[in-house]
């Protein structure tokens, strides 16, 4: 039995003069859900159905379907148009009119020759029709299926805003997170017609900045973070300036050299990240050579999905299935380099809820030591999980110390932001904060500007001529460009993670980009077209 998803539309009657023009324009859709702020209905569709734009190319087709019924006025307004993407294959049209007729609610037409059915539901002086038409008429029982599915859909039609009030940005995000076209996912989050209380606003910001972080050359990402980062820098800038002024040796010693001296005698090193910052993954990538040279063999990554490590370690590069945050290109580069250096990647997070998440993480890390007591482990975690003390709860790092007897050296790059002479500063926590209370051992100030040359600095570069790819698409103002390693793409297609994802704006003066030499697959999308251009390119 299909899982039913909810579609919500706020119902509000308005004049017939602009009805047809406004209904579709006021639709808000995500996943299999739809809101229409102007109208107002709540309806459930099935999870294997997807919305189709109502444009000139399919209007004639829809008009013919409606005419075939001989009971629905051709001037009736179309609310939505969907198709199934799995058996049984059918298309469905939801129609609205503010005219009344004598037809009863429920099934009003069952055409077994042309394999379609029509169901109706009325409220006050308005009527909704659900037209269900088979696309696989060879199935002799298809009309019964259409009736059964149609009844579930039309019976769920109601006229209140309860579902809208209960919808959160977590719901929106979960509905768009699997979209390959990030332009669409971002648009859905930005324009969701939800009530914006403070918590909803923060959740909207959090999801928007996360998806935007996947995309380079991104004005929206910069804008989202600017005000937030400015306020944090105002807190820490003077403290950092004072420290660097009185500790001149930090100007003469590179951060990587300091990191090497810190970790050489350690068995477990823990570094965190903020999931919004690709630059945190770039720094982690830069540490891998030093870690490998110091005998570290295991790379435990919180963001890797459980049970996804076996194929990752065999294939030596990540895929979309590896995790969500790992879809960000610089996170994928981090994993690629780790595998190239011979690290064994291990997932250790536990979101099952069966036990405390922090304790479960520490217990999973302990299993590495049980199998290999002399293991040297680099743990790459999220935010506060690396805290060795927290007044509110016991974190993974503290649990790990208690259940293994190993005191990990901990680095935090998510808290302190300040402008510094060097891209990276590693500062002992007790030197920067006298009241640190052993939250972590070191704070990292990360001012890396993300670029491919930060992770592929030894590669030879060529140029990609963007104008040659976009010369036929001058009507679009913004393009989402994904460039995949061709070898990875040939193996797993769009399950591969791009080498780079970036925006190209039509009015930007730069028409070429530097890129490591090699063979690539390129995909260009716009908000309204997932595959504006696809093809292979050679950069030489």
Protein backbone atom coordinates (compact mmCIF):
# COMPACT_ATOMS: atom_id res chain seq x y z
CA UNK A 1 0.00 0.00 0.00
CA UNK A 2 1.37 3.36 -0.97
CA UNK A 3 2.43 5.78 1.69
CA UNK A 4 0.33 8.89 1.57
CA UNK A 5 1.91 12.31 1.67
CA UNK A 6 0.08 15.48 2.52
CA UNK A 7 -0.76 18.35 0.24
CA UNK A 8 -2.00 21.49 1.85
CA UNK A 9 -3.66 24.44 0.24
CA UNK A 10 -5.28 27.29 2.20
CA UNK A 11 -8.80 27.82 0.90
CA UNK A 12 -10.00 31.31 0.09
CA UNK A 13 -12.62 32.07 -2.56
CA UNK A 14 -11.90 34.89 -4.92
CA UNK A 15 -13.32 36.35 -8.10
CA UNK A 16 -13.59 34.32 -11.28
CA UNK A 17 -12.04 37.05 -13.39
CA UNK A 18 -8.48 36.28 -12.33
CA UNK A 19 -9.01 32.75 -11.03
CA UNK A 20 -7.34 30.76 -13.79
CA UNK A 21 -4.32 33.03 -13.91
CA UNK A 22 -3.74 33.05 -10.18
CA UNK A 23 -4.28 29.47 -9.03
CA UNK A 24 -1.15 27.91 -10.52
CA UNK A 25 0.95 31.02 -9.87
CA UNK A 26 0.07 30.83 -6.19
CA UNK A 27 1.02 27.16 -5.87
CA UNK A 28 3.88 26.27 -3.60
CA UNK A 29 5.09 22.70 -4.06
CA UNK A 30 7.80 20.61 -2.48
CA UNK A 31 8.25 16.88 -2.71
CA UNK A 32 4.67 15.62 -3.15
CA UNK A 33 3.12 18.49 -1.22
CA UNK A 34 1.50 21.69 -2.38
CA UNK A 35 0.34 24.88 -0.73
CA UNK A 36 -1.80 27.56 -2.33
CA UNK A 37 -2.09 30.53 -0.02
CA UNK A 38 -4.85 32.11 -2.04
CA UNK A 39 -7.25 29.15 -2.24
CA UNK A 40 -7.03 26.80 0.68
CA UNK A 41 -7.50 23.04 0.51
CA UNK A 42 -5.70 20.16 2.16
CA UNK A 43 -5.24 17.00 0.14
CA UNK A 44 -3.14 13.86 0.32
CA UNK A 45 -1.22 12.49 -2.66
CA UNK A 46 0.86 9.34 -2.86
CA UNK A 47 4.62 9.25 -2.40
CA UNK A 48 5.32 7.95 -5.90
CA UNK A 49 3.70 10.96 -7.56
CA UNK A 50 5.47 14.06 -8.79
CA UNK A 51 4.25 17.49 -9.85
CA UNK A 52 4.50 18.61 -13.46
CA UNK A 53 4.59 22.25 -14.55
CA UNK A 54 1.45 23.32 -16.34
CA UNK A 55 2.89 24.99 -19.43
CA UNK A 56 2.04 25.42 -23.10
CA UNK A 57 3.58 22.08 -24.01
CA UNK A 58 1.10 20.09 -21.92
CA UNK A 59 -1.92 22.41 -21.84
CA UNK A 60 -3.34 20.95 -25.04
CA UNK A 61 -2.94 17.43 -23.65
CA UNK A 62 -4.72 18.39 -20.43
CA UNK A 63 -7.48 20.15 -22.35
CA UNK A 64 -8.12 16.98 -24.36
CA UNK A 65 -8.27 14.84 -21.21
CA UNK A 66 -10.83 17.22 -19.72
CA UNK A 67 -12.91 17.27 -22.93
CA UNK A 68 -12.94 13.46 -23.00
CA UNK A 69 -14.85 13.41 -19.72
CA UNK A 70 -17.79 15.32 -21.30
CA UNK A 71 -18.90 16.31 -17.80
CA UNK A 72 -16.24 18.86 -16.83
CA UNK A 73 -16.34 22.34 -18.31
CA UNK A 74 -13.17 23.00 -20.34
CA UNK A 75 -12.95 26.39 -18.62
CA UNK A 76 -12.54 24.77 -15.23
CA UNK A 77 -9.29 25.87 -13.59
CA UNK A 78 -6.41 23.42 -13.23
CA UNK A 79 -4.92 23.39 -9.72
CA UNK A 80 -2.23 20.74 -10.18
CA UNK A 81 -1.01 18.03 -12.52
CA UNK A 82 0.89 14.95 -11.37
CA UNK A 83 2.12 11.59 -12.61
CA UNK A 84 3.28 8.43 -10.88
CA UNK A 85 6.89 7.31 -11.31
CA UNK A 86 6.23 3.63 -10.57
CA UNK A 87 3.57 1.00 -11.27
CA UNK A 88 0.69 1.55 -11.72
CA UNK A 89 1.43 4.43 -14.09
CA UNK A 90 -1.23 7.11 -14.28
CA UNK A 91 -1.63 10.88 -14.43
CA UNK A 92 -3.95 12.92 -12.31
CA UNK A 93 -5.37 16.41 -12.62
CA UNK A 94 -6.99 18.41 -9.84
CA UNK A 95 -9.53 20.94 -11.11
CA UNK A 96 -11.53 23.68 -9.44
CA UNK A 97 -14.66 25.62 -10.31
CA UNK A 98 -16.81 27.99 -8.30
CA UNK A 99 -19.84 26.90 -10.27
CA UNK A 100 -22.28 24.32 -8.96
CA UNK A 101 -23.69 21.28 -10.77
CA UNK A 102 -25.99 18.40 -10.01
CA UNK A 103 -23.26 15.75 -9.85
CA UNK A 104 -22.91 14.01 -6.46
CA UNK A 105 -19.73 13.84 -4.43
CA UNK A 106 -17.55 10.77 -4.92
CA UNK A 107 -17.11 8.77 -8.12
CA UNK A 108 -18.94 10.50 -10.96
CA UNK A 109 -17.39 8.80 -14.00
CA UNK A 110 -15.70 5.46 -14.69
CA UNK A 111 -14.67 5.17 -18.33
CA UNK A 112 -13.34 1.64 -18.88
CA UNK A 113 -12.69 2.17 -22.59
CA UNK A 114 -10.37 5.15 -22.24
CA UNK A 115 -9.28 4.11 -18.76
CA UNK A 116 -9.98 7.18 -16.69
CA UNK A 117 -12.15 8.06 -13.71
CA UNK A 118 -13.44 11.32 -12.26
CA UNK A 119 -14.21 11.98 -8.59
CA UNK A 120 -15.76 15.07 -7.07
CA UNK A 121 -15.90 16.89 -3.78
CA UNK A 122 -17.85 20.09 -3.15
CA UNK A 123 -17.85 22.68 -0.44
CA UNK A 124 -20.26 25.59 -0.28
CA UNK A 125 -20.59 26.84 -3.85
CA UNK A 126 -17.37 25.39 -5.21
CA UNK A 127 -16.37 22.01 -6.59
CA UNK A 128 -13.12 20.10 -6.99
CA UNK A 129 -12.69 17.33 -9.55
CA UNK A 130 -9.97 14.73 -9.49
CA UNK A 131 -9.33 13.21 -12.90
CA UNK A 132 -7.27 10.00 -12.91
CA UNK A 133 -6.14 8.58 -16.26
CA UNK A 134 -4.13 5.40 -16.84
CA UNK A 135 -0.89 5.57 -18.81
CA UNK A 136 -0.68 1.76 -18.96
CA UNK A 137 -4.11 0.65 -20.23
CA UNK A 138 -2.93 -2.95 -20.77
CA UNK A 139 -3.63 -3.55 -17.09
CA UNK A 140 -7.18 -4.91 -17.09
CA UNK A 141 -7.71 -3.95 -13.46
CA UNK A 142 -6.37 -0.41 -13.80
CA UNK A 143 -9.74 1.33 -13.40
CA UNK A 144 -10.29 -0.31 -10.03
CA UNK A 145 -6.86 0.92 -8.99
CA UNK A 146 -7.69 4.43 -10.22
CA UNK A 147 -10.91 4.41 -8.22
CA UNK A 148 -9.26 3.14 -5.05
CA UNK A 149 -6.38 5.62 -5.24
CA UNK A 150 -8.68 8.45 -6.32
CA UNK A 151 -11.05 7.88 -3.40
CA UNK A 152 -8.19 8.09 -0.91
CA UNK A 153 -6.99 11.32 -2.48
CA UNK A 154 -10.35 13.05 -2.85
CA UNK A 155 -11.60 11.92 0.57
CA UNK A 156 -8.61 13.57 2.18
CA UNK A 157 -9.58 16.93 0.70
CA UNK A 158 -10.43 19.34 3.50
CA UNK A 159 -10.53 23.07 4.03
CA UNK A 160 -8.60 24.20 7.07
CA UNK A 161 -5.11 25.50 7.90
CA UNK A 162 -4.30 22.97 10.61
CA UNK A 163 -1.73 21.16 8.48
CA UNK A 164 -0.05 24.43 7.52
CA UNK A 165 0.31 25.38 11.18
CA UNK A 166 1.93 22.02 11.91
CA UNK A 167 4.38 22.14 8.99
CA UNK A 168 7.98 23.07 9.86
CA UNK A 169 11.13 23.80 7.91
CA UNK A 170 12.31 20.34 8.92
CA UNK A 171 9.39 19.01 6.85
CA UNK A 172 10.32 21.26 3.91
CA UNK A 173 14.00 20.31 4.13
CA UNK A 174 13.22 16.60 4.29
CA UNK A 175 11.07 17.07 1.21
CA UNK A 176 13.82 18.74 -0.85
CA UNK A 177 17.08 17.34 0.51
CA UNK A 178 17.35 14.65 -2.18
CA UNK A 179 16.92 17.08 -5.07
CA UNK A 180 19.95 17.23 -7.34
CA UNK A 181 19.01 20.73 -8.47
CA UNK A 182 19.97 22.86 -5.47
CA UNK A 183 18.41 25.92 -7.10
CA UNK A 184 15.00 24.30 -6.63
CA UNK A 185 15.73 23.14 -3.07
CA UNK A 186 16.86 26.64 -2.07
CA UNK A 187 13.84 28.23 -3.73
CA UNK A 188 11.47 25.95 -1.81
CA UNK A 189 13.11 26.83 1.51
CA UNK A 190 13.15 30.56 0.78
CA UNK A 191 9.53 30.77 -0.33
CA UNK A 192 7.84 28.34 2.04
CA UNK A 193 4.58 29.99 3.20
CA UNK A 194 5.11 29.09 6.86
CA UNK A 195 4.56 31.14 9.96
CA UNK A 196 7.98 32.57 10.84
CA UNK A 197 8.35 32.49 14.60
CA UNK A 198 11.95 32.78 15.93
CA UNK A 199 12.55 29.01 15.89
CA UNK A 200 11.19 28.67 12.37
CA UNK A 201 13.38 31.56 11.22
CA UNK A 202 16.49 29.92 12.64
CA UNK A 203 15.63 26.56 11.10
CA UNK A 204 15.05 28.22 7.75
CA UNK A 205 18.42 29.96 8.02
CA UNK A 206 20.15 26.74 9.07
CA UNK A 207 18.85 24.72 6.12
CA UNK A 208 19.40 27.53 3.62
CA UNK A 209 23.00 28.11 4.65
CA UNK A 210 23.71 24.36 4.65
CA UNK A 211 22.53 23.81 1.07
CA UNK A 212 24.09 27.08 -0.09
CA UNK A 213 27.42 25.95 1.39
CA UNK A 214 27.55 23.23 -1.28
CA UNK A 215 27.83 25.92 -3.98
CA UNK A 216 30.87 28.10 -4.70
CA UNK A 217 30.74 31.64 -6.09
CA UNK A 218 27.56 32.02 -4.09
CA UNK A 219 26.37 35.52 -3.20
CA UNK A 220 23.48 34.19 -1.13
CA UNK A 221 25.77 32.07 1.05
CA UNK A 222 28.02 35.07 1.66
CA UNK A 223 25.02 37.22 2.52
CA UNK A 224 23.50 34.68 4.91
CA UNK A 225 26.73 34.39 6.89
CA UNK A 226 27.97 37.97 6.78
CA UNK A 227 25.92 39.42 9.63
CA UNK A 228 26.28 36.31 11.80
CA UNK A 229 30.06 36.11 11.37
CA UNK A 230 30.48 39.83 11.94
CA UNK A 231 28.76 39.61 15.32
CA UNK A 232 30.93 36.62 16.37
CA UNK A 233 34.13 38.34 15.24
CA UNK A 234 33.21 41.36 17.34
CA UNK A 235 33.20 39.06 20.38
CA UNK A 236 36.61 37.47 19.81
CA UNK A 237 38.67 39.86 17.69
CA UNK A 238 40.26 41.83 20.52
CA UNK A 239 41.06 38.72 22.54
CA UNK A 240 42.77 37.11 19.52
CA UNK A 241 44.65 40.31 18.66
CA UNK A 242 45.95 40.60 22.22
CA UNK A 243 47.11 36.99 22.24
CA UNK A 244 48.96 37.22 18.92
CA UNK A 245 50.56 40.51 19.95
CA UNK A 246 52.03 38.94 23.10
CA UNK A 247 52.93 35.61 21.47
CA UNK A 248 55.02 36.63 18.48
CA UNK A 249 56.24 33.07 17.83
CA UNK A 250 52.84 32.34 16.26
CA UNK A 251 53.76 34.69 13.42
CA UNK A 252 56.88 32.66 12.61
CA UNK A 253 55.59 29.11 12.97
CA UNK A 254 53.14 27.57 10.54
CA UNK A 255 49.94 26.06 11.91
CA UNK A 256 50.71 22.72 10.26
CA UNK A 257 54.09 22.55 12.03
CA UNK A 258 52.41 23.26 15.37
CA UNK A 259 49.77 20.64 14.63
CA UNK A 260 52.47 18.06 13.87
CA UNK A 261 54.26 18.71 17.15
CA UNK A 262 50.98 18.43 19.08
CA UNK A 263 49.74 15.14 17.63
CA UNK A 264 52.96 13.11 17.20
CA UNK A 265 52.67 11.42 20.60
CA UNK A 266 48.86 11.19 20.63
CA UNK A 267 46.75 8.11 19.94
CA UNK A 268 43.42 9.87 19.31
CA UNK A 269 42.95 13.32 17.72
CA UNK A 270 39.51 14.91 17.50
CA UNK A 271 38.65 17.86 15.25
CA UNK A 272 35.21 19.36 14.81
CA UNK A 273 33.50 21.31 12.08
CA UNK A 274 30.52 23.55 11.60
CA UNK A 275 28.46 21.89 8.88
CA UNK A 276 28.04 25.24 7.10
CA UNK A 277 31.72 25.77 6.38
CA UNK A 278 33.56 24.09 3.48
CA UNK A 279 36.75 25.77 4.74
CA UNK A 280 36.67 23.48 7.79
CA UNK A 281 36.91 20.45 5.48
CA UNK A 282 39.76 22.06 3.57
CA UNK A 283 41.75 22.43 6.79
CA UNK A 284 40.99 18.82 7.73
CA UNK A 285 42.24 17.79 4.28
CA UNK A 286 45.49 19.70 4.85
CA UNK A 287 46.07 17.76 8.09
CA UNK A 288 45.93 14.32 6.50
CA UNK A 289 49.56 14.18 5.36
CA UNK A 290 50.81 15.01 8.86
CA UNK A 291 48.45 12.51 10.45
CA UNK A 292 49.49 9.74 8.09
CA UNK A 293 53.18 10.50 8.68
CA UNK A 294 52.52 10.25 12.44
CA UNK A 295 51.07 6.77 12.14
CA UNK A 296 47.35 7.49 12.06
CA UNK A 297 45.46 4.78 10.20
CA UNK A 298 41.77 5.27 10.97
CA UNK A 299 39.60 8.23 9.98
CA UNK A 300 36.31 8.18 11.91
CA UNK A 301 33.77 10.52 10.33
CA UNK A 302 30.52 11.42 12.03
CA UNK A 303 28.87 12.45 8.76
CA UNK A 304 29.28 9.04 7.09
CA UNK A 305 26.05 7.05 7.23
CA UNK A 306 26.23 3.80 9.21
CA UNK A 307 26.92 0.72 7.07
CA UNK A 308 28.10 2.88 4.15
CA UNK A 309 31.81 2.50 4.93
CA UNK A 310 32.40 -0.91 3.32
CA UNK A 311 31.62 0.15 -0.23
CA UNK A 312 33.30 3.53 0.35
CA UNK A 313 36.53 1.88 1.45
CA UNK A 314 36.43 -0.47 -1.55
CA UNK A 315 35.51 2.20 -4.11
CA UNK A 316 37.86 4.86 -2.66
CA UNK A 317 35.55 7.79 -3.32
CA UNK A 318 32.26 8.92 -1.74
CA UNK A 319 28.81 8.95 -3.29
CA UNK A 320 25.56 10.68 -2.43
CA UNK A 321 24.66 7.58 -0.41
CA UNK A 322 27.69 8.06 1.85
CA UNK A 323 25.99 10.83 3.82
CA UNK A 324 24.33 14.22 3.48
CA UNK A 325 27.06 16.66 4.52
CA UNK A 326 29.60 14.60 2.58
CA UNK A 327 27.84 15.70 -0.62
CA UNK A 328 29.51 19.08 -0.23
CA UNK A 329 32.42 18.97 -2.74
CA UNK A 330 35.20 19.86 -0.29
CA UNK A 331 34.01 17.18 2.12
CA UNK A 332 34.21 14.72 -0.77
CA UNK A 333 37.75 15.93 -1.55
CA UNK A 334 38.66 15.31 2.10
CA UNK A 335 37.47 11.72 1.78
CA UNK A 336 39.15 11.19 -1.60
CA UNK A 337 42.50 12.30 -0.25
CA UNK A 338 42.12 10.17 2.89
CA UNK A 339 41.54 7.10 0.76
CA UNK A 340 44.45 8.00 -1.51
CA UNK A 341 46.69 8.10 1.58
CA UNK A 342 45.41 4.72 2.76
CA UNK A 343 43.15 5.72 5.68
CA UNK A 344 40.39 3.32 6.66
CA UNK A 345 37.21 5.33 6.98
CA UNK A 346 34.79 4.37 9.75
CA UNK A 347 31.34 5.81 10.53
CA UNK A 348 30.55 6.12 14.22
CA UNK A 349 27.40 8.20 14.65
CA UNK A 350 24.20 6.69 16.05
CA UNK A 351 20.95 8.56 15.47
CA UNK A 352 18.72 5.60 16.31
CA UNK A 353 17.72 7.02 19.68
CA UNK A 354 18.15 3.61 21.29
CA UNK A 355 20.75 5.10 23.62
CA UNK A 356 22.31 8.49 24.34
CA UNK A 357 23.86 9.70 21.09
CA UNK A 358 27.06 11.00 22.71
CA UNK A 359 27.64 7.73 24.58
CA UNK A 360 26.81 5.71 21.47
CA UNK A 361 29.37 7.65 19.43
CA UNK A 362 32.07 7.07 22.05
CA UNK A 363 31.18 3.38 22.27
CA UNK A 364 31.45 2.98 18.51
CA UNK A 365 34.89 4.61 18.55
CA UNK A 366 35.91 2.25 21.37
CA UNK A 367 35.18 -0.69 19.06
CA UNK A 368 38.06 0.42 16.83
CA UNK A 369 40.42 0.08 19.79
CA UNK A 370 38.96 -3.26 20.80
CA UNK A 371 39.79 -4.60 17.34
CA UNK A 372 43.15 -2.79 17.16
CA UNK A 373 44.42 -1.70 20.62
CA UNK A 374 47.30 0.31 19.15
CA UNK A 375 45.10 2.10 16.63
CA UNK A 376 45.78 5.79 16.03
CA UNK A 377 42.48 7.45 15.21
CA UNK A 378 41.60 10.81 13.68
CA UNK A 379 38.00 11.67 14.62
CA UNK A 380 36.20 14.25 12.48
CA UNK A 381 33.08 15.35 14.34
CA UNK A 382 30.41 17.99 14.37
CA UNK A 383 30.43 20.99 16.68
CA UNK A 384 30.19 20.25 20.42
CA UNK A 385 30.76 16.48 20.24
CA UNK A 386 34.50 17.10 20.80
CA UNK A 387 33.92 19.00 24.06
CA UNK A 388 35.74 17.37 26.95
CA UNK A 389 33.52 19.20 29.42
CA UNK A 390 30.07 20.68 28.98
CA UNK A 391 27.99 22.01 31.88
CA UNK A 392 24.80 20.91 30.15
CA UNK A 393 25.59 17.33 29.20
CA UNK A 394 28.36 14.78 28.78
CA UNK A 395 29.71 14.89 25.21
CA UNK A 396 31.28 12.20 23.05
CA UNK A 397 34.88 13.23 23.84
CA UNK A 398 34.28 13.07 27.58
CA UNK A 399 32.52 9.73 27.32
CA UNK A 400 35.37 8.42 25.17
CA UNK A 401 37.93 9.39 27.82
CA UNK A 402 35.92 7.68 30.55
CA UNK A 403 35.22 4.38 28.78
CA UNK A 404 38.65 3.93 27.14
CA UNK A 405 41.02 5.68 29.54
CA UNK A 406 42.47 7.60 26.58
CA UNK A 407 42.44 11.38 26.80
CA UNK A 408 42.04 12.60 23.20
CA UNK A 409 43.61 15.85 22.05
CA UNK A 410 40.73 18.03 20.93
CA UNK A 411 40.57 20.88 18.40
CA UNK A 412 37.63 23.24 17.91
CA UNK A 413 37.37 25.32 14.73
CA UNK A 414 33.68 26.21 15.12
CA UNK A 415 33.71 28.75 17.95
CA UNK A 416 36.38 31.43 17.53
CA UNK A 417 36.25 33.70 14.49
CA UNK A 418 38.60 36.63 13.99
CA UNK A 419 40.71 38.23 11.29
CA UNK A 420 44.32 37.01 11.54
CA UNK A 421 47.54 37.51 9.54
CA UNK A 422 47.67 33.79 8.68
CA UNK A 423 44.92 31.67 7.18
CA UNK A 424 45.11 29.28 10.13
CA UNK A 425 45.97 29.88 13.77
CA UNK A 426 46.10 27.08 16.37
CA UNK A 427 45.90 28.52 19.87
CA UNK A 428 45.94 26.62 23.18
CA UNK A 429 42.51 27.02 24.71
CA UNK A 430 43.82 27.90 28.16
CA UNK A 431 45.94 30.68 26.65
CA UNK A 432 42.99 32.24 24.88
CA UNK A 433 40.41 31.69 27.60
CA UNK A 434 41.63 31.59 31.18
CA UNK A 435 38.25 30.16 32.24
CA UNK A 436 38.23 27.52 29.50
CA UNK A 437 37.47 24.73 31.99
CA UNK A 438 39.00 22.22 29.58
CA UNK A 439 36.22 22.41 26.99
CA UNK A 440 38.81 21.59 24.32
CA UNK A 441 42.60 21.63 24.13
CA UNK A 442 43.01 23.98 21.16
CA UNK A 443 41.00 26.53 19.26
CA UNK A 444 41.57 26.91 15.54
CA UNK A 445 40.90 30.18 13.76
CA UNK A 446 40.20 29.26 10.15
CA UNK A 447 40.31 32.00 7.51
CA UNK A 448 40.83 29.78 4.48
CA UNK A 449 39.14 30.98 1.30
CA UNK A 450 37.80 27.83 -0.35
CA UNK A 451 39.17 27.05 -3.79
CA UNK A 452 40.20 23.91 -5.63
CA UNK A 453 43.82 25.02 -5.47
CA UNK A 454 43.64 24.62 -1.69
CA UNK A 455 43.16 20.86 -2.12
CA UNK A 456 44.71 20.26 -5.56
CA UNK A 457 47.69 22.57 -5.25
CA UNK A 458 50.07 20.13 -6.95
CA UNK A 459 47.90 19.56 -10.01
CA UNK A 460 48.33 21.21 -13.39
CA UNK A 461 45.47 23.49 -14.34
CA UNK A 462 43.76 24.30 -17.60
CA UNK A 463 40.76 26.46 -18.41
CA UNK A 464 37.05 25.83 -18.98
CA UNK A 465 35.40 28.28 -21.39
CA UNK A 466 32.00 28.86 -19.80
CA UNK A 467 30.66 31.07 -22.56
CA UNK A 468 30.93 28.19 -25.03
CA UNK A 469 28.60 26.13 -22.85
CA UNK A 470 26.09 28.90 -22.15
CA UNK A 471 25.86 30.73 -25.46
CA UNK A 472 22.43 29.25 -26.21
CA UNK A 473 20.90 30.11 -22.85
CA UNK A 474 21.06 33.89 -22.66
CA UNK A 475 17.53 34.17 -21.24
CA UNK A 476 18.63 32.71 -17.90
CA UNK A 477 20.33 34.92 -15.34
CA UNK A 478 21.75 32.30 -13.00
CA UNK A 479 23.12 28.84 -13.72
CA UNK A 480 24.05 26.00 -11.40
CA UNK A 481 27.10 24.22 -12.82
CA UNK A 482 28.26 20.81 -11.59
CA UNK A 483 31.51 19.29 -12.79
CA UNK A 484 32.05 15.59 -12.07
CA UNK A 485 35.14 13.45 -12.36
CA UNK A 486 34.31 11.48 -15.51
CA UNK A 487 35.64 8.19 -14.15
CA UNK A 488 33.48 8.49 -11.02
CA UNK A 489 30.47 9.59 -13.07
CA UNK A 490 30.82 6.70 -15.50
CA UNK A 491 30.65 4.28 -12.55
CA UNK A 492 27.74 5.68 -10.54
CA UNK A 493 26.22 8.47 -12.70
CA UNK A 494 24.41 11.19 -10.73
CA UNK A 495 25.07 9.37 -7.48
CA UNK A 496 28.58 10.79 -7.82
CA UNK A 497 29.62 13.92 -5.93
CA UNK A 498 30.86 16.76 -8.14
CA UNK A 499 34.44 17.97 -8.06
CA UNK A 500 32.96 21.46 -8.03
CA UNK A 501 29.52 23.06 -7.85
CA UNK A 502 29.26 26.77 -8.54
CA UNK A 503 26.97 29.52 -9.71
CA UNK A 504 27.55 31.33 -12.93
CA UNK A 505 25.78 34.65 -13.27
CA UNK A 506 25.03 35.92 -16.76
CA UNK A 507 26.31 39.40 -16.00
CA UNK A 508 29.59 38.32 -14.40
CA UNK A 509 32.70 39.36 -16.35
CA UNK A 510 34.60 36.09 -15.80
CA UNK A 511 33.96 33.76 -18.72
CA UNK A 512 36.62 31.14 -17.99
CA UNK A 513 37.62 29.21 -14.86
CA UNK A 514 40.83 27.44 -13.89
CA UNK A 515 40.35 23.73 -13.36
CA UNK A 516 42.63 20.72 -12.79
CA UNK A 517 43.46 19.05 -16.08
CA UNK A 518 41.47 15.91 -16.81
CA UNK A 519 38.26 14.44 -18.18
CA UNK A 520 34.99 15.62 -16.68
CA UNK A 521 31.24 15.38 -17.01
CA UNK A 522 29.36 18.66 -16.74
CA UNK A 523 25.73 19.36 -15.87
CA UNK A 524 24.14 22.81 -16.05
CA UNK A 525 20.78 23.56 -14.43
CA UNK A 526 18.48 26.51 -13.96
CA UNK A 527 15.56 26.93 -11.59
CA UNK A 528 13.19 25.60 -14.26
CA UNK A 529 15.41 23.08 -16.01
CA UNK A 530 17.37 20.31 -14.30
CA UNK A 531 19.36 19.45 -17.42
CA UNK A 532 19.89 22.57 -19.46
CA UNK A 533 23.16 21.15 -20.71
CA UNK A 534 24.97 17.88 -20.11
CA UNK A 535 28.10 16.53 -21.69
CA UNK A 536 31.77 15.65 -21.31
CA UNK A 537 34.66 18.08 -21.37
CA UNK A 538 38.43 17.72 -21.53
CA UNK A 539 40.48 20.25 -19.61
CA UNK A 540 44.03 20.39 -21.00
